[in-house]
C-alpha atoms as a PDB file:
ATOM      1  CA  UNK A   1     158.971 132.211 187.887  1.00  0.00           C
ATOM      2  CA  UNK A   2     160.967 133.846 185.140  1.00  0.00           C
ATOM      3  CA  UNK A   3     162.860 130.889 183.705  1.00  0.00           C
ATOM      4  CA  UNK A   4     161.032 131.100 180.364  1.00  0.00           C
ATOM      5  CA  UNK A   5     162.009 134.678 179.499  1.00  0.00           C
ATOM      6  CA  UNK A   6     164.772 134.406 176.925  1.00  0.00           C
ATOM      7  CA  UNK A   7     165.035 136.999 174.185  1.00  0.00           C
ATOM      8  CA  UNK A   8     167.913 135.488 172.254  1.00  0.00           C
ATOM      9  CA  UNK A   9     165.843 132.533 171.032  1.00  0.00           C
ATOM     10  CA  UNK A  10     163.140 134.666 169.445  1.00  0.00           C
ATOM     11  CA  UNK A  11     163.019 135.736 165.835  1.00  0.00           C
ATOM     12  CA  UNK A  12     160.824 138.034 163.815  1.00  0.00           C
ATOM     13  CA  UNK A  13     160.663 137.129 160.142  1.00  0.00           C
ATOM     14  CA  UNK A  14     158.152 137.738 157.355  1.00  0.00           C
ATOM     15  CA  UNK A  15     155.366 135.184 157.084  1.00  0.00           C
ATOM     16  CA  UNK A  16     154.872 133.519 153.674  1.00  0.00           C
ATOM     17  CA  UNK A  17     151.301 133.753 152.401  1.00  0.00           C
ATOM     18  CA  UNK A  18     149.363 132.377 149.441  1.00  0.00           C
ATOM     19  CA  UNK A  19     145.836 132.692 148.081  1.00  0.00           C
ATOM     20  CA  UNK A  20     143.449 129.763 147.898  1.00  0.00           C
ATOM     21  CA  UNK A  21     141.056 129.026 145.010  1.00  0.00           C
ATOM     22  CA  UNK A  22     138.620 131.628 146.373  1.00  0.00           C
ATOM     23  CA  UNK A  23     141.227 134.369 146.674  1.00  0.00           C
ATOM     24  CA  UNK A  24     141.390 134.209 150.471  1.00  0.00           C
ATOM     25  CA  UNK A  25     144.790 134.821 152.015  1.00  0.00           C
ATOM     26  CA  UNK A  26     146.191 131.680 153.651  1.00  0.00           C
ATOM     27  CA  UNK A  27     149.366 130.924 155.532  1.00  0.00           C
ATOM     28  CA  UNK A  28     151.492 127.820 155.354  1.00  0.00           C
ATOM     29  CA  UNK A  29     152.347 126.272 158.707  1.00  0.00           C
ATOM     30  CA  UNK A  30     156.016 127.183 158.522  1.00  0.00           C
ATOM     31  CA  UNK A  31     156.528 128.396 162.093  1.00  0.00           C
ATOM     32  CA  UNK A  32     157.364 126.322 165.135  1.00  0.00           C
ATOM     33  CA  UNK A  33     156.669 128.091 168.416  1.00  0.00           C
ATOM     34  CA  UNK A  34     157.133 127.416 172.111  1.00  0.00           C
ATOM     35  CA  UNK A  35     155.079 129.310 174.678  1.00  0.00           C
ATOM     36  CA  UNK A  36     155.200 129.062 178.471  1.00  0.00           C
ATOM     37  CA  UNK A  37     152.963 130.205 181.287  1.00  0.00           C
ATOM     38  CA  UNK A  38     154.207 131.314 184.727  1.00  0.00           C
ATOM     39  CA  UNK A  39     152.733 128.174 186.330  1.00  0.00           C
ATOM     40  CA  UNK A  40     155.193 125.940 184.416  1.00  0.00           C
ATOM     41  CA  UNK A  41     152.955 124.870 181.515  1.00  0.00           C
ATOM     42  CA  UNK A  42     154.836 124.815 178.204  1.00  0.00           C
ATOM     43  CA  UNK A  43     153.302 124.282 174.759  1.00  0.00           C
ATOM     44  CA  UNK A  44     154.960 123.575 171.427  1.00  0.00           C
ATOM     45  CA  UNK A  45     153.149 123.878 168.122  1.00  0.00           C
ATOM     46  CA  UNK A  46     153.260 124.890 164.480  1.00  0.00           C
ATOM     47  CA  UNK A  47     151.409 127.767 162.867  1.00  0.00           C
ATOM     48  CA  UNK A  48     151.100 129.715 159.669  1.00  0.00           C
ATOM     49  CA  UNK A  49     150.773 133.120 161.270  1.00  0.00           C
ATOM     50  CA  UNK A  50     150.957 134.819 164.632  1.00  0.00           C
ATOM     51  CA  UNK A  51     147.278 134.421 165.499  1.00  0.00           C
ATOM     52  CA  UNK A  52     147.928 130.938 166.910  1.00  0.00           C
ATOM     53  CA  UNK A  53     150.605 131.864 169.445  1.00  0.00           C
ATOM     54  CA  UNK A  54     149.374 135.409 170.074  1.00  0.00           C
ATOM     55  CA  UNK A  55     146.161 134.068 171.592  1.00  0.00           C
ATOM     56  CA  UNK A  56     148.276 132.222 174.175  1.00  0.00           C
ATOM     57  CA  UNK A  57     150.291 135.361 174.881  1.00  0.00           C
ATOM     58  CA  UNK A  58     147.034 137.222 175.484  1.00  0.00           C
ATOM     59  CA  UNK A  59     146.189 134.539 178.086  1.00  0.00           C
ATOM     60  CA  UNK A  60     149.410 135.142 180.036  1.00  0.00           C
ATOM     61  CA  UNK A  61     151.971 133.014 178.197  1.00  0.00           C
ATOM     62  CA  UNK A  62     155.377 134.218 177.055  1.00  0.00           C
ATOM     63  CA  UNK A  63     156.678 133.441 173.570  1.00  0.00           C
ATOM     64  CA  UNK A  64     159.869 131.529 174.333  1.00  0.00           C
ATOM     65  CA  UNK A  65     160.908 130.513 170.823  1.00  0.00           C
ATOM     66  CA  UNK A  66     159.784 131.134 167.268  1.00  0.00           C
ATOM     67  CA  UNK A  67     161.458 129.512 164.286  1.00  0.00           C
ATOM     68  CA  UNK A  68     160.540 130.039 160.632  1.00  0.00           C
ATOM     69  CA  UNK A  69     161.154 127.366 158.007  1.00  0.00           C
ATOM     70  CA  UNK A  70     160.883 127.285 154.233  1.00  0.00           C
ATOM     71  CA  UNK A  71     158.894 124.028 154.330  1.00  0.00           C
ATOM     72  CA  UNK A  72     156.022 122.914 156.499  1.00  0.00           C
ATOM     73  CA  UNK A  73     157.693 119.499 156.886  1.00  0.00           C
ATOM     74  CA  UNK A  74     160.687 121.164 158.552  1.00  0.00           C
ATOM     75  CA  UNK A  75     158.392 122.979 160.993  1.00  0.00           C
ATOM     76  CA  UNK A  76     156.719 119.665 161.838  1.00  0.00           C
ATOM     77  CA  UNK A  77     160.109 117.989 162.373  1.00  0.00           C
ATOM     78  CA  UNK A  78     161.109 120.785 164.750  1.00  0.00           C
ATOM     79  CA  UNK A  79     157.826 120.485 166.639  1.00  0.00           C
ATOM     80  CA  UNK A  80     158.321 116.723 167.044  1.00  0.00           C
ATOM     81  CA  UNK A  81     161.897 117.124 168.265  1.00  0.00           C
ATOM     82  CA  UNK A  82     160.941 119.770 170.816  1.00  0.00           C
ATOM     83  CA  UNK A  83     157.910 117.792 171.963  1.00  0.00           C
ATOM     84  CA  UNK A  84     160.111 114.731 172.489  1.00  0.00           C
ATOM     85  CA  UNK A  85     162.377 116.818 174.722  1.00  0.00           C
ATOM     86  CA  UNK A  86     159.381 118.221 176.600  1.00  0.00           C
ATOM     87  CA  UNK A  87     158.113 114.702 177.270  1.00  0.00           C
ATOM     88  CA  UNK A  88     161.527 113.808 178.733  1.00  0.00           C
ATOM     89  CA  UNK A  89     161.613 116.861 180.983  1.00  0.00           C
ATOM     90  CA  UNK A  90     158.013 117.105 182.127  1.00  0.00           C
ATOM     91  CA  UNK A  91     154.655 115.463 182.452  1.00  0.00           C
ATOM     92  CA  UNK A  92     151.506 116.049 180.402  1.00  0.00           C
ATOM     93  CA  UNK A  93     149.937 119.247 181.688  1.00  0.00           C
ATOM     94  CA  UNK A  94     146.324 118.338 180.973  1.00  0.00           C
ATOM     95  CA  UNK A  95     144.278 115.154 180.924  1.00  0.00           C
ATOM     96  CA  UNK A  96     141.743 116.515 178.440  1.00  0.00           C
ATOM     97  CA  UNK A  97     140.948 119.509 176.281  1.00  0.00           C
ATOM     98  CA  UNK A  98     138.465 120.639 178.931  1.00  0.00           C
ATOM     99  CA  UNK A  99     141.216 120.837 181.568  1.00  0.00           C
ATOM    100  CA  UNK A 100     143.252 123.023 179.189  1.00  0.00           C
ATOM    101  CA  UNK A 101     140.628 125.661 178.435  1.00  0.00           C
ATOM    102  CA  UNK A 102     141.986 128.240 180.894  1.00  0.00           C
ATOM    103  CA  UNK A 103     145.356 128.164 179.110  1.00  0.00           C
ATOM    104  CA  UNK A 104     144.412 127.370 175.507  1.00  0.00           C
ATOM    105  CA  UNK A 105     140.969 128.843 175.050  1.00  0.00           C
ATOM    106  CA  UNK A 106     137.434 127.525 174.795  1.00  0.00           C
ATOM    107  CA  UNK A 107     138.219 124.547 172.572  1.00  0.00           C
ATOM    108  CA  UNK A 108     141.318 123.431 174.441  1.00  0.00           C
ATOM    109  CA  UNK A 109     142.886 122.411 171.130  1.00  0.00           C
ATOM    110  CA  UNK A 110     146.544 121.438 171.352  1.00  0.00           C
ATOM    111  CA  UNK A 111     146.311 120.223 174.954  1.00  0.00           C
ATOM    112  CA  UNK A 112     148.331 117.084 174.146  1.00  0.00           C
ATOM    113  CA  UNK A 113     151.306 119.289 173.190  1.00  0.00           C
ATOM    114  CA  UNK A 114     151.406 120.871 176.670  1.00  0.00           C
ATOM    115  CA  UNK A 115     153.750 119.768 179.429  1.00  0.00           C
ATOM    116  CA  UNK A 116     154.281 120.902 182.982  1.00  0.00           C
ATOM    117  CA  UNK A 117     157.907 121.672 183.859  1.00  0.00           C
ATOM    118  CA  UNK A 118     159.578 122.741 187.053  1.00  0.00           C
ATOM    119  CA  UNK A 119     162.075 125.645 187.141  1.00  0.00           C
ATOM    120  CA  UNK A 120     165.080 123.300 186.878  1.00  0.00           C
ATOM    121  CA  UNK A 121     163.623 121.525 183.875  1.00  0.00           C
ATOM    122  CA  UNK A 122     162.721 124.895 182.393  1.00  0.00           C
ATOM    123  CA  UNK A 123     166.408 125.788 182.368  1.00  0.00           C
ATOM    124  CA  UNK A 124     167.192 122.455 180.698  1.00  0.00           C
ATOM    125  CA  UNK A 125     164.555 123.167 178.044  1.00  0.00           C
ATOM    126  CA  UNK A 126     166.022 126.601 177.326  1.00  0.00           C
ATOM    127  CA  UNK A 127     169.498 125.098 176.948  1.00  0.00           C
ATOM    128  CA  UNK A 128     168.092 122.504 174.533  1.00  0.00           C
ATOM    129  CA  UNK A 129     166.230 125.164 172.516  1.00  0.00           C
ATOM    130  CA  UNK A 130     169.377 127.280 172.142  1.00  0.00           C
ATOM    131  CA  UNK A 131     171.381 124.306 170.865  1.00  0.00           C
ATOM    132  CA  UNK A 132     168.553 123.051 168.654  1.00  0.00           C
ATOM    133  CA  UNK A 133     167.998 126.461 167.090  1.00  0.00           C
ATOM    134  CA  UNK A 134     171.686 126.758 166.170  1.00  0.00           C
ATOM    135  CA  UNK A 135     171.748 123.198 164.785  1.00  0.00           C
ATOM    136  CA  UNK A 136     168.859 123.709 162.355  1.00  0.00           C
ATOM    137  CA  UNK A 137     169.727 127.279 161.354  1.00  0.00           C
END
């Protein structure tokens, strides 16, 4: 299945960073991402840097969309909007974090943001993401 491979919805922008009280470099969660696996599982989430979504890519997912916002609240709003659309188009992909470990890693964190879509619904999701991205840009 190749319905999730769309280059025109990706972006590559600098990631804002700050230092905490101990001088450690930290990242604000200003990115909203969508990743998809060939078996039809799609995940939406927010992150401060690429380590969150890159671990899914290393497990066979494709980065479908990446949006960068100035405020964390805007990234959260985008995540909620996309997750609402995913829940319309698909069904929850996993019943528990343990079921999600093959896709998400040993902890299975973020399993509730994963949905299983068919190829037709994948096309509908891509159409929504293109329109949504233009609307919030």
